Amino acid sequence: MPEVRTRLRGGQPPFGIVTPYPQEELHRELAFIAYHFHWPLAELLQLDHGERRRWCAEISDINEQMSGSHGE
């Protein structure tokens, strides 16, 4: 129970506790990258969390620049 209380108080799991990445978020990231870059699923599944997030951010930046709404 101490782990549950710690998580409830701080919102984050205690150090050393691994929590799974939400499946819905994973699918959303994979679909986003696949849609824009047409990479095969096998390649996308080899990306770690940080790489996926980085590619999603890069694609978003490209989309914003192309639409003319990139902070100008």
Protein backbone atom coordinates (compact mmCIF):
# COMPACT_ATOMS: atom_id res chain seq x y z
CA MET A 1 0.00 0.00 0.00
CA PRO A 2 2.80 2.55 0.51
CA GLU A 3 3.42 2.59 -3.28
CA VAL A 4 -0.23 3.33 -3.95
CA ARG A 5 -0.27 6.18 -1.42
CA THR A 6 2.95 7.64 -2.83
CA ARG A 7 1.56 7.52 -6.36
CA LEU A 8 -1.73 9.10 -5.29
CA ARG A 9 0.00 11.94 -3.46
CA GLY A 10 2.49 12.89 -6.16
CA GLY A 11 0.78 11.62 -9.28
CA GLN A 12 3.97 9.87 -10.39
CA PRO A 13 4.96 6.28 -9.70
CA PRO A 14 7.73 5.84 -7.14
CA PHE A 15 11.29 5.63 -8.43
CA GLY A 16 12.02 2.20 -9.88
CA ILE A 17 8.39 1.37 -10.73
CA VAL A 18 7.89 0.85 -14.45
CA THR A 19 4.52 1.83 -15.85
CA PRO A 20 3.42 0.78 -19.33
CA TYR A 21 3.09 3.38 -22.06
CA PRO A 22 -0.60 3.96 -22.81
CA GLN A 23 -1.59 1.87 -25.85
CA GLU A 24 -3.84 4.59 -27.24
CA GLU A 25 -0.98 7.11 -27.18
CA LEU A 26 1.39 4.61 -28.78
CA HIS A 27 -1.07 3.92 -31.61
CA ARG A 28 -1.65 7.64 -32.12
CA GLU A 29 2.09 8.32 -32.43
CA LEU A 30 2.63 5.37 -34.78
CA ALA A 31 -0.27 6.42 -36.99
CA PHE A 32 0.91 10.03 -37.07
CA ILE A 33 4.42 9.10 -38.21
CA ALA A 34 3.20 6.43 -40.65
CA TYR A 35 0.70 8.83 -42.22
CA HIS A 36 3.25 11.57 -42.82
CA PHE A 37 6.41 9.60 -43.58
CA HIS A 38 4.92 6.32 -44.91
CA TRP A 39 7.31 4.26 -42.81
CA PRO A 40 6.42 0.57 -42.40
CA LEU A 41 5.10 -0.62 -39.05
CA ALA A 42 8.13 -2.85 -38.44
CA GLU A 43 10.42 0.20 -38.57
CA LEU A 44 8.12 2.29 -36.40
CA LEU A 45 8.00 -0.39 -33.73
CA GLN A 46 11.80 -0.26 -33.46
CA LEU A 47 11.71 3.39 -32.38
CA ASP A 48 11.97 3.98 -28.66
CA HIS A 49 9.65 6.38 -26.86
CA GLY A 50 11.98 9.37 -27.17
CA GLU A 51 12.57 8.84 -30.88
CA ARG A 52 8.84 8.55 -31.57
CA ARG A 53 8.11 11.72 -29.65
CA ARG A 54 10.93 13.53 -31.46
CA TRP A 55 9.63 12.50 -34.91
CA CYS A 56 6.09 13.55 -33.95
CA ALA A 57 7.42 16.95 -32.90
CA GLU A 58 9.42 17.31 -36.12
CA ILE A 59 6.38 16.43 -38.25
CA SER A 60 4.28 18.93 -36.30
CA ASP A 61 6.90 21.64 -36.90
CA ILE A 62 6.96 20.86 -40.63
CA ASN A 63 3.15 21.03 -40.78
CA GLU A 64 3.11 24.35 -38.93
CA GLN A 65 5.78 25.83 -41.22
CA MET A 66 3.93 24.68 -44.34
CA SER A 67 0.66 26.15 -43.11
CA GLY A 68 2.33 29.44 -42.21
CA SER A 69 1.35 29.29 -38.56
CA HIS A 70 4.78 28.68 -37.00
CA GLY A 71 4.89 31.51 -34.46
CA GLU A 72 4.95 34.31 -37.00
